[in-house]
Amino acid sequence: MAVSAARPPQEFSGFPPGGFDFFLELSHRQSRDWFKANKQRYETLWVKPMEALLADISQRMSDVFPEMPQAPRHIFRIYRDTRFSPDKSPFKTHIAGHVPIRRHEIEGDWSIPSVYVHFGLDDSVAGVGRWGMDKDAVQVFREAVADDRKGAELQKMVSALEADGFHVSSHESLKRVPAPYPQDHPRAELLKLKGLAVSKVNLPEDLMPSPDFAGWLSEQLHKAAPVAKWLERHVKAGPNV
């Protein structure tokens, strides 16, 4: 569901207790009838607080991303796409949302780095970047990573974030450094990626019921913001897929 930027934001007051218990029940039930009967619980425990959290984060990040409060906020559907999966469970046991760092003119334009937040039974994550890129964008990304100035700048940022407990990942990555770059390239691990996201995992669940959680998240995302700015400057080819 998309959340209109023109809609007055609900004040984030924390996630109500019981949200993870709801997902645990859902994981055991995986019933459309059960979910229909409990949909209002999902809205109250997760959807409305998530809408408020995304709006709050957008405002807090406006000092580094001025257009972010006007960017379209999005909460992903809880219904799983089971067409190509052996697991036919109809529901996800997490909630996820994202906000691009600036407005875009084309709906569904994934080429703009975004803030992403995810809470669920398996993990809870908050990060920023481009999780995936099309082949043209990947090529531009690799050229920038291989560049002595641009790549060294990115590596310095990424290394500092990893030392601070951030994880670097992408939707897809290679096992070997792609040609024509040598296997012992100083930025070999970055060259293997087909996207770039930096994130914090194992978020503090004890803080989630508090309004202070938005401030904690904002502090972490501000640390990672320079990576999104680097992507904006140096990787402009093609939308994400």
Protein backbone atom coordinates (compact mmCIF):
# COMPACT_ATOMS: atom_id res chain seq x y z
CA MET A 1 0.00 0.00 0.00
CA ALA A 2 1.29 3.41 -0.87
CA VAL A 3 0.94 6.23 1.64
CA SER A 4 0.29 9.65 0.16
CA ALA A 5 2.85 12.27 1.06
CA ALA A 6 0.01 14.82 1.28
CA ARG A 7 -1.69 12.87 4.06
CA PRO A 8 -1.10 14.39 7.52
CA PRO A 9 1.34 12.02 9.22
CA GLN A 10 0.24 10.11 12.29
CA GLU A 11 2.58 10.71 15.20
CA PHE A 12 4.76 7.67 15.86
CA SER A 13 4.23 6.49 19.42
CA GLY A 14 5.85 3.06 19.14
CA PHE A 15 4.68 -0.40 18.08
CA PRO A 16 2.03 -1.82 20.43
CA PRO A 17 2.95 -4.98 22.36
CA GLY A 18 1.83 -8.21 20.75
CA GLY A 19 3.03 -7.65 17.20
CA PHE A 20 5.47 -10.54 17.10
CA ASP A 21 2.92 -12.78 18.81
CA PHE A 22 0.56 -11.96 15.94
CA PHE A 23 3.16 -13.07 13.38
CA LEU A 24 3.80 -16.24 15.39
CA GLU A 25 0.07 -17.07 15.33
CA LEU A 26 -0.05 -16.30 11.62
CA SER A 27 2.91 -18.60 10.95
CA HIS A 28 1.00 -21.51 12.54
CA ARG A 29 -2.35 -20.69 10.98
CA GLN A 30 -1.51 -19.53 7.44
CA SER A 31 -5.25 -19.33 6.81
CA ARG A 32 -7.00 -16.69 4.73
CA ASP A 33 -10.10 -17.02 6.91
CA TRP A 34 -8.04 -16.54 10.08
CA PHE A 35 -6.28 -13.51 8.63
CA LYS A 36 -9.56 -11.97 7.51
CA ALA A 37 -10.92 -12.32 11.05
CA ASN A 38 -7.71 -10.84 12.51
CA LYS A 39 -6.89 -8.23 9.87
CA GLN A 40 -7.77 -5.36 12.20
CA ARG A 41 -5.19 -6.64 14.68
CA TYR A 42 -2.58 -6.53 11.92
CA GLU A 43 -3.58 -2.98 11.01
CA THR A 44 -3.39 -1.84 14.64
CA LEU A 45 -0.23 -3.72 15.64
CA TRP A 46 1.81 -3.16 12.49
CA VAL A 47 0.39 -1.16 9.58
CA LYS A 48 -0.62 2.07 11.32
CA PRO A 49 2.56 2.27 13.43
CA MET A 50 4.65 1.52 10.34
CA GLU A 51 2.95 4.34 8.42
CA ALA A 52 3.73 6.68 11.28
CA LEU A 53 7.32 5.44 11.58
CA LEU A 54 8.03 5.97 7.87
CA ALA A 55 6.58 9.48 8.05
CA ASP A 56 8.63 10.25 11.16
CA ILE A 57 11.86 8.93 9.64
CA SER A 58 11.22 10.91 6.45
CA GLN A 59 11.05 14.12 8.45
CA ARG A 60 14.09 13.28 10.58
CA MET A 61 16.17 12.49 7.47
CA SER A 62 15.19 15.70 5.67
CA ASP A 63 18.38 17.42 6.81
CA VAL A 64 20.38 15.12 4.52
CA PHE A 65 17.63 14.22 2.02
CA PRO A 66 15.45 17.36 1.69
CA GLU A 67 12.92 15.74 -0.69
CA MET A 68 12.35 12.65 1.42
CA PRO A 69 9.24 13.97 3.27
CA GLN A 70 7.53 14.40 -0.13
CA ALA A 71 8.65 11.02 -1.49
CA PRO A 72 6.03 8.23 -1.75
CA ARG A 73 6.09 5.97 1.29
CA HIS A 74 5.26 2.33 0.67
CA ILE A 75 4.33 -0.66 2.82
CA PHE A 76 4.67 -4.02 1.11
CA ARG A 77 1.74 -6.42 0.91
CA ILE A 78 1.59 -9.20 3.48
CA TYR A 79 0.40 -11.63 0.82
CA ARG A 80 3.17 -13.82 -0.58
CA ASP A 81 3.70 -14.40 -4.29
CA THR A 82 3.57 -18.19 -4.37
CA ARG A 83 3.57 -18.67 -8.14
CA PHE A 84 7.18 -19.82 -8.40
CA SER A 85 7.75 -21.00 -4.85
CA PRO A 86 7.40 -24.55 -3.49
CA ASP A 87 6.19 -22.91 -0.25
CA LYS A 88 2.54 -22.09 -0.85
CA SER A 89 1.98 -20.36 2.51
CA PRO A 90 -0.20 -17.37 1.62
CA PHE A 91 1.18 -14.88 4.16
CA LYS A 92 4.51 -13.35 5.07
CA THR A 93 5.42 -13.29 8.74
CA HIS A 94 6.96 -9.84 8.57
CA ILE A 95 6.11 -6.30 7.59
CA ALA A 96 8.36 -4.15 5.42
CA GLY A 97 8.30 -0.62 4.10
CA HIS A 98 10.52 1.79 2.25
CA VAL A 99 10.87 5.46 1.37
CA PRO A 100 13.00 6.78 -1.52
CA ILE A 101 15.46 9.47 -0.50
CA ARG A 102 13.83 11.85 -3.00
CA ARG A 103 10.70 12.20 -5.08
CA HIS A 104 10.54 10.40 -8.42
CA GLU A 105 8.55 11.19 -11.53
CA ILE A 106 7.90 7.61 -12.62
CA GLU A 107 5.82 5.41 -10.34
CA GLY A 108 7.74 2.34 -9.27
CA ASP A 109 11.14 3.85 -10.11
CA TRP A 110 13.51 1.71 -8.04
CA SER A 111 16.66 3.41 -9.28
CA ILE A 112 16.55 5.92 -6.43
CA PRO A 113 18.26 4.80 -3.21
CA SER A 114 15.74 4.15 -0.46
CA VAL A 115 15.44 3.67 3.26
CA TYR A 116 14.09 0.21 4.03
CA VAL A 117 12.73 -1.15 7.32
CA HIS A 118 11.61 -4.71 8.04
CA PHE A 119 10.26 -6.37 11.19
CA GLY A 120 9.49 -10.06 11.41
CA LEU A 121 9.96 -13.44 13.05
CA ASP A 122 13.21 -14.23 11.24
CA ASP A 123 14.88 -10.86 11.47
CA SER A 124 14.41 -7.12 11.83
CA VAL A 125 16.42 -4.82 9.57
CA ALA A 126 16.82 -1.14 8.78
CA GLY A 127 19.04 0.12 6.01
CA VAL A 128 19.59 2.35 3.04
CA GLY A 129 20.80 1.85 -0.53
CA ARG A 130 19.83 0.07 -3.73
CA TRP A 131 19.12 -3.58 -2.97
CA GLY A 132 19.17 -4.51 -6.66
CA MET A 133 20.22 -2.99 -9.95
CA ASP A 134 19.60 -3.87 -13.59
CA LYS A 135 22.56 -4.94 -15.74
CA ASP A 136 23.26 -1.41 -17.03
CA ALA A 137 23.31 0.04 -13.52
CA VAL A 138 25.50 -2.84 -12.30
CA GLN A 139 28.02 -2.02 -15.02
CA VAL A 140 28.09 1.66 -14.02
CA PHE A 141 28.38 0.64 -10.36
CA ARG A 142 31.36 -1.62 -11.05
CA GLU A 143 33.14 1.06 -13.06
CA ALA A 144 32.69 3.49 -10.17
CA VAL A 145 33.89 0.92 -7.61
CA ALA A 146 36.97 0.17 -9.73
CA ASP A 147 37.80 3.87 -10.08
CA ASP A 148 40.69 4.76 -7.79
CA ARG A 149 39.01 7.89 -6.43
CA LYS A 150 35.31 6.98 -6.41
CA GLY A 151 35.87 3.40 -5.31
CA ALA A 152 38.30 4.30 -2.57
CA GLU A 153 35.80 6.83 -1.22
CA LEU A 154 33.08 4.16 -1.10
CA GLN A 155 35.36 1.55 0.46
CA LYS A 156 36.34 3.95 3.23
CA MET A 157 32.66 4.60 4.04
CA VAL A 158 31.71 0.92 3.91
CA SER A 159 34.65 -0.17 6.07
CA ALA A 160 33.76 2.40 8.73
CA LEU A 161 30.12 1.28 8.73
CA GLU A 162 31.07 -2.40 9.01
CA ALA A 163 33.27 -1.53 11.98
CA ASP A 164 30.18 0.10 13.51
CA GLY A 165 28.08 -3.04 13.13
CA PHE A 166 26.47 -2.45 9.75
CA HIS A 167 26.09 -5.21 7.16
CA VAL A 168 26.76 -4.76 3.44
CA SER A 169 24.59 -6.79 1.09
CA SER A 170 22.66 -6.91 -2.18
CA HIS A 171 19.85 -8.91 -3.76
CA GLU A 172 22.39 -10.85 -5.81
CA SER A 173 26.16 -11.23 -5.65
CA LEU A 174 28.80 -13.21 -7.49
CA LYS A 175 31.18 -15.77 -6.01
CA ARG A 176 34.08 -14.44 -8.06
CA VAL A 177 35.16 -10.96 -9.10
CA PRO A 178 33.71 -10.32 -12.57
CA ALA A 179 35.93 -9.78 -15.61
CA PRO A 180 37.85 -7.70 -16.50
CA TYR A 181 38.78 -6.98 -12.88
CA PRO A 182 41.48 -9.07 -11.16
CA GLN A 183 40.50 -11.48 -8.40
CA ASP A 184 42.82 -9.68 -5.99
CA HIS A 185 41.29 -6.26 -6.66
CA PRO A 186 41.42 -4.13 -3.48
CA ARG A 187 37.64 -3.71 -3.65
CA ALA A 188 36.89 -7.26 -4.74
CA GLU A 189 33.93 -7.79 -2.39
CA LEU A 190 32.16 -4.66 -3.63
CA LEU A 191 32.73 -5.64 -7.26
CA LYS A 192 30.90 -8.93 -6.64
CA LEU A 193 27.69 -7.13 -5.66
CA LYS A 194 24.74 -6.49 -7.98
CA GLY A 195 23.38 -3.78 -5.71
CA LEU A 196 24.45 -2.08 -2.52
CA ALA A 197 22.63 -1.77 0.78
CA VAL A 198 24.04 -1.05 4.22
CA SER A 199 21.87 -2.09 7.11
CA LYS A 200 21.57 -2.75 10.82
CA VAL A 201 20.11 -6.11 11.81
CA ASN A 202 18.79 -7.45 15.11
CA LEU A 203 17.13 -4.14 15.91
CA PRO A 204 16.42 -3.46 19.61
CA GLU A 205 12.96 -4.98 20.12
CA ASP A 206 12.80 -3.57 23.64
CA LEU A 207 12.86 -0.06 22.15
CA MET A 208 10.18 -0.69 19.51
CA PRO A 209 7.18 0.13 21.80
CA SER A 210 8.70 3.55 22.53
CA PRO A 211 8.51 6.78 20.49
CA ASP A 212 12.31 6.89 20.99
CA PHE A 213 12.65 4.04 18.49
CA ALA A 214 12.26 6.50 15.59
CA GLY A 215 15.13 8.58 16.94
CA TRP A 216 17.36 5.52 17.31
CA LEU A 217 16.60 4.43 13.75
CA SER A 218 17.23 7.92 12.43
CA GLU A 219 20.61 8.00 14.14
CA GLN A 220 21.63 4.73 12.45
CA LEU A 221 20.32 5.79 9.05
CA HIS A 222 22.15 9.10 9.25
CA LYS A 223 25.39 7.12 9.62
CA ALA A 224 24.59 5.19 6.44
CA ALA A 225 23.32 8.19 4.46
CA PRO A 226 26.67 8.94 2.75
CA VAL A 227 26.44 5.60 0.91
CA ALA A 228 23.07 6.61 -0.56
CA LYS A 229 24.55 9.94 -1.61
CA TRP A 230 27.47 8.13 -3.26
CA LEU A 231 25.02 5.95 -5.22
CA GLU A 232 23.07 9.02 -6.31
CA ARG A 233 26.21 10.69 -7.61
CA HIS A 234 27.83 7.75 -9.34
CA VAL A 235 25.18 5.16 -10.32
CA LYS A 236 22.51 6.73 -12.49
CA ALA A 237 21.96 4.12 -15.23
CA GLY A 238 18.81 2.07 -15.28
CA PRO A 239 16.08 1.38 -12.68
CA ASN A 240 16.29 -1.36 -10.12
CA VAL A 241 14.51 -4.59 -10.85
